[in-house]
Amino acid sequence: MDSILTCNNLSKSYGFMLALSSVNLAIPKGRVVGLLGPNGSGKTTFIKIAAGLLTPSAGNIFVDSKPVSVDTKRIVSYLPDRTYFSKSIRVKECLELFADFYQDFDMERAMQLLKDHQISTDAKMKQLSKGMQEKVQLALVMSRRAKLYLLDEPIGGVDPAARDYILHTIVANIHPESTILISTHLIADVENILDDVIFLKSGSIVLHDSVDNIRNQRNSSVDALFREVFAYA
């Protein structure tokens, strides 16, 4: 099976703190993958390296068989764990920025997603709740025709009632050959949409398996196994 993302002995240090430690990984194309771990486990660092925003301290990482670079950024759609648009910008200006910056941006799809979320394109970001701001960013990110979507805590800042709708938006708008990597610690909320899971603990992978194997061979839900593995994390 072809891989969309691979890394070999990938490590990242911040001074004396080791955020990632010799990570070896291959993520197949066409999967929805959960990057799961408690806060501080290295999830955001890994996603930022894959997105080309951080440089590894050691090892290497490839997206679609190419070293992470400007070229790979063209096929990666990245959702950060916090909003980054100016509070004074209007939603329609956000749309225009994405349309100008990304050749694969689908304006029609973005407009429909915003309509589904009942978000006016005339609204300023500061007029929207934190959850609505995150929905705007999600609509923009999922409206790119990317090969790899990197979503860092996409449901972390929204109320439980909105989580199912956001997850539905994610799954309903992915091309069958694209891959989604979702970083989160809200396991029970995302479990039903995942094909595979990666457990990251103190910068190291302690489990990489399919959800089907966990349920059939371990006779466990992903959430229950996560609680067992990270009981003392």
Protein backbone atom coordinates (compact mmCIF):
# COMPACT_ATOMS: atom_id res chain seq x y z
CA MET A 1 0.00 0.00 0.00
CA ASP A 2 1.38 3.42 -1.00
CA SER A 3 2.22 5.81 1.81
CA ILE A 4 1.39 9.51 1.83
CA LEU A 5 3.66 10.25 4.81
CA THR A 6 6.76 8.45 6.01
CA CYS A 7 9.45 9.33 8.51
CA ASN A 8 12.64 7.68 9.68
CA ASN A 9 14.23 8.26 13.08
CA LEU A 10 12.50 11.64 13.26
CA SER A 11 13.48 13.65 16.33
CA LYS A 12 12.89 17.20 17.50
CA SER A 13 14.43 18.97 20.46
CA TYR A 14 13.72 22.34 22.01
CA GLY A 15 16.92 23.03 23.88
CA PHE A 16 17.26 20.18 26.38
CA MET A 17 13.63 19.08 25.93
CA LEU A 18 13.04 16.19 23.52
CA ALA A 19 9.62 16.61 21.88
CA LEU A 20 9.95 13.74 19.38
CA SER A 21 12.27 10.77 19.79
CA SER A 22 13.30 8.57 16.82
CA VAL A 23 9.83 8.32 15.30
CA ASN A 24 9.47 5.78 12.48
CA LEU A 25 6.15 5.84 10.67
CA ALA A 26 4.37 5.11 7.39
CA ILE A 27 0.82 6.38 6.86
CA PRO A 28 -1.02 4.85 3.86
CA LYS A 29 -3.02 6.90 1.38
CA GLY A 30 -6.79 7.09 1.66
CA ARG A 31 -7.04 6.70 5.45
CA VAL A 32 -8.42 8.73 8.34
CA VAL A 33 -5.77 8.51 11.05
CA GLY A 34 -5.94 9.65 14.65
CA LEU A 35 -2.73 11.01 16.17
CA LEU A 36 -3.65 10.50 19.79
CA GLY A 37 -1.94 11.42 23.02
CA PRO A 38 -2.22 13.65 26.07
CA ASN A 39 -1.17 17.29 26.00
CA GLY A 40 2.60 17.56 25.69
CA SER A 41 3.06 14.22 23.94
CA GLY A 42 4.48 15.76 20.74
CA LYS A 43 1.38 15.78 18.50
CA THR A 44 1.55 19.43 17.48
CA THR A 45 5.30 19.25 16.94
CA PHE A 46 4.87 16.27 14.61
CA ILE A 47 2.10 17.95 12.61
CA LYS A 48 4.08 21.19 12.28
CA ILE A 49 7.08 19.27 10.96
CA ALA A 50 4.86 17.45 8.44
CA ALA A 51 3.39 20.82 7.41
CA GLY A 52 6.86 22.26 6.89
CA LEU A 53 6.64 24.77 9.72
CA LEU A 54 9.33 23.20 11.90
CA THR A 55 12.66 21.62 11.00
CA PRO A 56 13.57 18.22 12.51
CA SER A 57 16.60 18.01 14.79
CA ALA A 58 17.40 14.59 13.32
CA GLY A 59 15.96 12.05 10.89
CA ASN A 60 13.85 12.74 7.83
CA ILE A 61 10.23 13.01 6.76
CA PHE A 62 8.57 12.62 3.36
CA VAL A 63 5.15 13.55 2.02
CA ASP A 64 4.08 11.68 -1.13
CA SER A 65 7.67 10.38 -1.41
CA LYS A 66 9.14 13.90 -1.44
CA PRO A 67 11.12 15.56 1.38
CA VAL A 68 8.98 18.13 3.18
CA SER A 69 9.48 21.40 1.29
CA VAL A 70 7.65 24.09 -0.67
CA ASP A 71 6.60 21.37 -3.13
CA THR A 72 4.90 19.26 -0.46
CA LYS A 73 3.11 22.30 0.98
CA ARG A 74 1.16 22.45 -2.28
CA ILE A 75 -0.51 19.10 -1.51
CA VAL A 76 -0.90 19.53 2.27
CA SER A 77 -3.81 21.38 3.87
CA TYR A 78 -3.02 22.35 7.46
CA LEU A 79 -5.38 23.38 10.25
CA PRO A 80 -3.50 24.80 13.27
CA ASP A 81 -4.68 24.35 16.84
CA ARG A 82 -5.57 28.05 17.18
CA THR A 83 -7.17 30.72 15.03
CA TYR A 84 -4.69 32.91 13.15
CA PHE A 85 -6.79 35.39 11.18
CA SER A 86 -6.93 39.02 12.28
CA LYS A 87 -10.02 39.74 14.36
CA SER A 88 -10.87 42.67 12.06
CA ILE A 89 -10.88 40.65 8.83
CA ARG A 90 -14.18 39.65 7.24
CA VAL A 91 -14.97 36.04 6.35
CA LYS A 92 -15.18 36.91 2.64
CA GLU A 93 -11.64 38.32 2.85
CA CYS A 94 -10.46 35.01 4.30
CA LEU A 95 -12.01 33.27 1.30
CA GLU A 96 -10.24 35.63 -1.07
CA LEU A 97 -6.89 35.04 0.64
CA PHE A 98 -7.22 31.25 0.30
CA ALA A 99 -8.36 31.57 -3.33
CA ASP A 100 -5.33 33.74 -4.13
CA PHE A 101 -2.85 31.60 -2.24
CA TYR A 102 -3.93 28.02 -3.08
CA GLN A 103 -4.52 26.84 -6.64
CA ASP A 104 -6.52 23.85 -5.37
CA PHE A 105 -8.99 25.96 -3.36
CA ASP A 106 -12.65 25.27 -4.21
CA MET A 107 -14.58 28.49 -3.59
CA GLU A 108 -17.95 26.89 -4.28
CA ARG A 109 -17.33 24.19 -1.71
CA ALA A 110 -16.17 26.73 0.88
CA MET A 111 -19.24 28.89 0.37
CA GLN A 112 -21.51 25.87 0.82
CA LEU A 113 -19.74 24.81 4.03
CA LEU A 114 -20.08 28.30 5.47
CA LYS A 115 -23.74 28.31 4.50
CA ASP A 116 -24.19 24.92 6.21
CA HIS A 117 -22.66 26.41 9.35
CA GLN A 118 -24.88 29.50 8.99
CA ILE A 119 -21.85 31.80 8.85
CA SER A 120 -22.22 35.07 6.94
CA THR A 121 -19.33 35.98 4.66
CA ASP A 122 -19.87 39.63 5.63
CA ALA A 123 -19.17 38.93 9.31
CA LYS A 124 -15.89 40.00 10.88
CA MET A 125 -13.97 37.34 12.74
CA LYS A 126 -14.30 39.29 15.99
CA GLN A 127 -18.09 39.07 15.66
CA LEU A 128 -17.95 35.27 15.68
CA SER A 129 -17.65 32.99 18.68
CA LYS A 130 -14.44 30.97 19.10
CA GLY A 131 -16.27 27.90 17.83
CA MET A 132 -17.53 29.76 14.76
CA GLN A 133 -14.03 31.08 14.04
CA GLU A 134 -12.72 27.53 14.11
CA LYS A 135 -15.53 26.45 11.75
CA VAL A 136 -14.45 29.16 9.30
CA GLN A 137 -10.88 27.87 9.33
CA LEU A 138 -12.08 24.27 8.98
CA ALA A 139 -14.26 25.20 5.99
CA LEU A 140 -11.27 26.87 4.32
CA VAL A 141 -8.90 23.97 5.00
CA MET A 142 -11.36 21.28 3.87
CA SER A 143 -12.14 23.23 0.69
CA ARG A 144 -8.69 22.57 -0.70
CA ARG A 145 -8.24 19.54 -2.97
CA ALA A 146 -5.25 18.31 -1.00
CA LYS A 147 -3.65 14.88 -0.78
CA LEU A 148 -2.94 15.20 2.94
CA TYR A 149 -4.98 17.10 5.55
CA LEU A 150 -3.25 17.84 8.85
CA LEU A 151 -5.83 18.83 11.47
CA ASP A 152 -4.47 19.84 14.87
CA GLU A 153 -7.20 19.61 17.54
CA PRO A 154 -10.07 20.49 15.16
CA ILE A 155 -12.73 19.91 17.84
CA GLY A 156 -10.80 21.06 20.89
CA GLY A 157 -12.34 24.50 21.12
CA VAL A 158 -15.98 23.79 20.30
CA ASP A 159 -18.89 22.65 22.43
CA PRO A 160 -19.90 18.95 22.34
CA ALA A 161 -23.03 19.69 20.31
CA ALA A 162 -20.91 21.06 17.45
CA ARG A 163 -18.32 18.27 17.42
CA ASP A 164 -20.39 15.72 15.51
CA TYR A 165 -21.20 18.31 12.85
CA ILE A 166 -17.54 19.26 12.47
CA LEU A 167 -16.48 15.62 12.21
CA HIS A 168 -19.18 15.02 9.61
CA THR A 169 -17.84 18.01 7.66
CA ILE A 170 -14.34 16.54 7.75
CA VAL A 171 -15.34 13.08 6.52
CA ALA A 172 -17.92 14.24 3.97
CA ASN A 173 -15.47 16.51 2.20
CA ILE A 174 -12.50 14.22 1.68
CA HIS A 175 -11.54 12.64 -1.62
CA PRO A 176 -11.26 8.81 -1.36
CA GLU A 177 -7.53 8.92 -2.16
CA SER A 178 -6.75 11.70 0.31
CA THR A 179 -5.53 11.12 3.84
CA ILE A 180 -6.54 12.94 7.02
CA LEU A 181 -4.33 13.03 10.10
CA ILE A 182 -6.29 14.28 13.12
CA SER A 183 -4.47 15.24 16.29
CA THR A 184 -6.66 15.13 19.39
CA HIS A 185 -7.03 13.93 22.96
CA LEU A 186 -10.83 13.69 22.65
CA ILE A 187 -10.78 10.02 21.68
CA ALA A 188 -14.41 9.08 22.21
CA ASP A 189 -15.55 11.89 19.90
CA VAL A 190 -13.39 10.91 16.92
CA GLU A 191 -13.19 7.12 17.27
CA ASN A 192 -16.07 6.35 14.91
CA ILE A 193 -14.51 8.16 11.94
CA LEU A 194 -10.98 6.73 12.28
CA ASP A 195 -9.43 3.95 10.21
CA ASP A 196 -6.12 3.86 12.08
CA VAL A 197 -4.67 5.26 15.28
CA ILE A 198 -1.21 6.32 16.41
CA PHE A 199 -0.58 6.63 20.14
CA LEU A 200 2.13 9.16 20.91
CA LYS A 201 3.60 9.18 24.41
CA SER A 202 6.45 11.47 25.49
CA GLY A 203 7.51 11.93 21.86
CA SER A 204 7.56 8.22 20.99
CA ILE A 205 5.06 6.00 19.17
CA VAL A 206 3.74 3.31 21.51
CA LEU A 207 1.03 1.99 19.18
CA HIS A 208 0.18 2.18 15.47
CA ASP A 209 -2.72 -0.05 14.49
CA SER A 210 -6.05 -0.13 12.68
CA VAL A 211 -9.24 0.51 14.61
CA ASP A 212 -10.58 -2.84 13.36
CA ASN A 213 -7.60 -4.71 14.84
CA ILE A 214 -8.02 -2.97 18.18
CA ARG A 215 -11.69 -3.90 18.32
CA ASN A 216 -11.38 -7.46 16.97
CA GLN A 217 -8.02 -8.64 18.28
CA ARG A 218 -7.77 -6.67 21.50
CA ASN A 219 -11.53 -6.72 22.16
CA SER A 220 -11.37 -3.06 23.13
CA SER A 221 -12.53 0.32 21.97
CA VAL A 222 -9.88 2.87 21.05
CA ASP A 223 -11.01 5.05 23.94
CA ALA A 224 -10.67 2.21 26.47
CA LEU A 225 -7.23 1.24 25.15
CA PHE A 226 -6.12 4.86 25.23
CA ARG A 227 -7.16 5.15 28.88
CA GLU A 228 -5.23 1.98 29.68
CA VAL A 229 -2.04 3.01 27.87
CA PHE A 230 -2.05 6.57 29.23
CA ALA A 231 -3.32 5.82 32.72
CA TYR A 232 -0.13 7.19 34.26
CA ALA A 233 0.89 9.60 31.50
